[in-house]
Protein backbone atom coordinates (compact mmCIF):
# COMPACT_ATOMS: atom_id res chain seq x y z
CA UNK A 1 -2.23 5.58 -26.20
CA UNK A 2 -3.32 2.02 -25.49
CA UNK A 3 -5.70 0.56 -28.05
CA UNK A 4 -8.48 -1.23 -26.19
CA UNK A 5 -11.72 -2.85 -27.32
CA UNK A 6 -13.67 0.05 -25.79
CA UNK A 7 -11.64 2.54 -27.87
CA UNK A 8 -12.19 0.58 -31.07
CA UNK A 9 -15.93 0.08 -30.48
CA UNK A 10 -16.36 3.76 -29.52
CA UNK A 11 -14.55 4.91 -32.65
CA UNK A 12 -16.60 2.61 -34.89
CA UNK A 13 -19.83 3.92 -33.35
CA UNK A 14 -18.68 7.53 -33.78
CA UNK A 15 -17.65 6.95 -37.43
CA UNK A 16 -21.03 5.37 -38.24
CA UNK A 17 -22.97 8.13 -36.47
CA UNK A 18 -20.94 10.86 -38.15
CA UNK A 19 -21.35 9.20 -41.54
CA UNK A 20 -25.12 8.94 -41.05
CA UNK A 21 -25.25 12.57 -39.92
CA UNK A 22 -23.15 13.83 -42.84
CA UNK A 23 -25.13 11.63 -45.26
CA UNK A 24 -28.38 13.16 -43.99
CA UNK A 25 -27.04 16.64 -44.73
CA UNK A 26 -25.66 15.91 -48.22
CA UNK A 27 -26.54 12.55 -49.77
CA UNK A 28 -24.74 13.15 -53.07
CA UNK A 29 -21.10 12.83 -51.96
CA UNK A 30 -20.81 9.48 -50.17
CA UNK A 31 -16.99 9.18 -50.51
CA UNK A 32 -16.50 12.68 -49.10
CA UNK A 33 -18.84 11.85 -46.22
CA UNK A 34 -16.86 8.71 -45.39
CA UNK A 35 -13.55 10.59 -45.46
CA UNK A 36 -14.97 13.42 -43.34
CA UNK A 37 -16.40 10.94 -40.83
CA UNK A 38 -13.02 9.20 -40.50
CA UNK A 39 -11.16 12.52 -40.13
CA UNK A 40 -13.63 14.01 -37.63
CA UNK A 41 -13.89 10.85 -35.46
CA UNK A 42 -10.66 11.41 -33.44
CA UNK A 43 -11.72 15.00 -32.72
CA UNK A 44 -15.16 13.92 -31.55
CA UNK A 45 -13.71 11.07 -29.52
CA UNK A 46 -10.98 13.00 -27.71
CA UNK A 47 -12.77 16.34 -27.29
CA UNK A 48 -16.36 15.23 -26.67
CA UNK A 49 -16.82 11.51 -25.91
CA UNK A 50 -13.71 10.90 -23.78
CA UNK A 51 -14.16 13.90 -21.43
CA UNK A 52 -17.86 13.18 -20.94
CA UNK A 53 -17.25 9.48 -20.30
CA UNK A 54 -14.57 10.34 -17.71
CA UNK A 55 -17.07 12.45 -15.84
CA UNK A 56 -19.75 9.78 -15.62
CA UNK A 57 -17.69 6.57 -15.57
CA UNK A 58 -15.31 6.52 -12.59
CA UNK A 59 -11.99 5.06 -13.64
CA UNK A 60 -8.51 5.66 -12.34
CA UNK A 61 -5.05 4.53 -13.27
CA UNK A 62 -3.43 1.76 -11.31
CA UNK A 63 0.23 2.21 -10.45
CA UNK A 64 2.85 0.20 -8.64
CA UNK A 65 3.82 1.36 -5.17
CA UNK A 66 6.34 4.19 -5.07
CA UNK A 67 7.33 5.44 -1.60
CA UNK A 68 8.26 8.89 -2.90
CA UNK A 69 4.91 9.37 -4.68
CA UNK A 70 3.08 8.04 -1.60
CA UNK A 71 4.66 10.76 0.56
CA UNK A 72 4.58 13.63 -1.94
CA UNK A 73 1.08 13.12 -3.36
CA UNK A 74 -1.21 11.68 -0.68
CA UNK A 75 -4.29 12.55 -2.75
CA UNK A 76 -3.19 10.03 -5.40
CA UNK A 77 -2.54 7.07 -3.11
CA UNK A 78 -5.70 5.37 -4.38
CA UNK A 79 -3.78 4.70 -7.63
CA UNK A 80 -1.25 2.50 -5.80
CA UNK A 81 -3.35 0.66 -3.24
CA UNK A 82 -4.90 -1.91 -5.60
CA UNK A 83 -1.44 -3.11 -6.63
CA UNK A 84 -0.31 -3.25 -3.01
CA UNK A 85 -3.29 -5.40 -2.01
CA UNK A 86 -3.22 -7.71 -5.07
CA UNK A 87 0.50 -8.45 -4.73
CA UNK A 88 0.43 -8.73 -0.90
CA UNK A 89 3.21 -6.15 -0.93
CA UNK A 90 2.92 -5.27 2.76
CA UNK A 91 2.15 -8.73 4.17
CA UNK A 92 4.95 -9.87 6.48
CA UNK A 93 6.63 -6.47 6.76
CA UNK A 94 7.49 -5.12 10.20
CA UNK A 95 6.15 -1.90 11.70
CA UNK A 96 9.52 -0.23 11.07
CA UNK A 97 9.45 -1.20 7.39
CA UNK A 98 5.87 0.02 6.97
CA UNK A 99 6.66 3.30 8.75
CA UNK A 100 9.68 3.83 6.50
CA UNK A 101 7.67 3.12 3.33
CA UNK A 102 4.34 4.79 4.13
CA UNK A 103 5.40 7.49 6.57
CA UNK A 104 3.80 8.45 9.83
CA UNK A 105 0.60 6.74 10.94
CA UNK A 106 -2.33 9.03 10.17
CA UNK A 107 -4.70 7.51 12.71
CA UNK A 108 -5.24 4.36 14.74
CA UNK A 109 -8.37 2.22 14.75
CA UNK A 110 -10.46 2.11 17.87
CA UNK A 111 -10.41 -1.08 19.92
CA UNK A 112 -13.83 -1.33 21.57
CA UNK A 113 -12.78 -4.18 23.87
CA UNK A 114 -9.87 -2.22 25.32
CA UNK A 115 -11.78 1.08 25.03
CA UNK A 116 -8.67 2.67 23.57
CA UNK A 117 -6.78 3.08 20.30
CA UNK A 118 -5.33 -0.08 18.83
CA UNK A 119 -1.57 0.40 18.19
CA UNK A 120 -1.68 -2.64 15.86
CA UNK A 121 -4.24 -1.15 13.43
CA UNK A 122 -2.73 1.69 11.42
CA UNK A 123 -4.77 3.77 8.99
CA UNK A 124 -3.83 5.91 6.01
CA UNK A 125 -6.09 8.09 3.89
CA UNK A 126 -5.99 7.39 0.15
CA UNK A 127 -7.89 10.40 -1.16
CA UNK A 128 -10.98 10.77 -3.31
CA UNK A 129 -11.42 8.67 -6.41
CA UNK A 130 -11.96 11.04 -9.35
CA UNK A 131 -15.38 11.49 -10.89
CA UNK A 132 -18.15 14.04 -11.04
CA UNK A 133 -20.43 12.23 -8.63
CA UNK A 134 -17.85 10.74 -6.31
CA UNK A 135 -18.61 11.39 -2.68
CA UNK A 136 -16.60 8.57 -1.20
CA UNK A 137 -13.07 8.56 0.12
CA UNK A 138 -10.88 5.51 0.44
CA UNK A 139 -8.82 4.52 3.44
CA UNK A 140 -6.52 1.58 4.08
CA UNK A 141 -6.19 -0.16 7.42
CA UNK A 142 -3.04 -2.17 8.08
CA UNK A 143 -3.39 -4.81 10.78
CA UNK A 144 -0.30 -6.09 12.59
CA UNK A 145 0.12 -9.40 14.41
CA UNK A 146 3.37 -10.02 16.28
CA UNK A 147 4.85 -6.80 14.82
CA UNK A 148 4.26 -8.05 11.22
CA UNK A 149 1.56 -7.02 8.74
CA UNK A 150 -1.11 -9.71 8.68
CA UNK A 151 -3.94 -7.96 6.83
CA UNK A 152 -4.50 -4.95 4.61
CA UNK A 153 -8.12 -3.78 4.45
CA UNK A 154 -9.43 -1.25 1.95
CA UNK A 155 -12.50 0.67 3.04
CA UNK A 156 -14.69 3.35 1.54
CA UNK A 157 -16.63 5.92 3.47
CA UNK A 158 -18.66 8.97 2.63
CA UNK A 159 -16.60 12.12 2.37
CA UNK A 160 -17.74 15.07 4.42
CA UNK A 161 -15.98 18.38 4.38
CA UNK A 162 -14.62 19.44 7.73
CA UNK A 163 -12.65 22.64 8.18
CA UNK A 164 -9.14 22.17 9.53
CA UNK A 165 -8.90 22.27 13.29
CA UNK A 166 -5.90 22.82 15.46
CA UNK A 167 -4.15 19.46 15.91
CA UNK A 168 -5.10 17.70 19.09
CA UNK A 169 -2.51 15.75 20.97
CA UNK A 170 -2.94 12.01 20.75
CA UNK A 171 -0.36 10.43 23.02
CA UNK A 172 -0.66 6.93 21.54
CA UNK A 173 -0.31 8.14 17.94
CA UNK A 174 2.50 10.55 18.82
CA UNK A 175 4.45 7.81 20.59
CA UNK A 176 4.07 5.42 17.62
CA UNK A 177 5.17 8.06 15.12
CA UNK A 178 8.21 9.06 17.16
CA UNK A 179 9.09 5.40 17.67
CA UNK A 180 9.12 4.69 13.91
CA UNK A 181 10.61 7.93 12.57
CA UNK A 182 12.91 7.51 9.61
């Protein structure tokens, strides 16, 4: 467990509130009330305060990029993307390198000028950020210039449930994925 200022402040608040509550019940045993408040605080924190705060305060762990975890757990990619963007991990990498690290392209961005898919704008879904009221999904768009990554753009959009459909053939996407197979 990492001791943070939020943890310390939360525990102090819980100890004081428990002490005041126990003191209101039985005012005669102040030492016992202090000891009980200190003993009960971790239970209240970890079984009441922490779960409730995780529901209402969206927070997620940040991890370094791991190609194996990226492939095996696509719903947890949002944990790695912040590190990838902050460290410019992908900038300067070729399409082959990106395809080997991130796997097959999930979809291509639309180029309105060419009225077709843009083979230099690859997209990957990152999953839903955890939280009770989260209705947004995160995606990352990787822009290539001269076969090298020039930009990595993180975007959020509203998540809507769509039942799975039979895969449609996308010739551009299929050709890119076969070209950069491992």
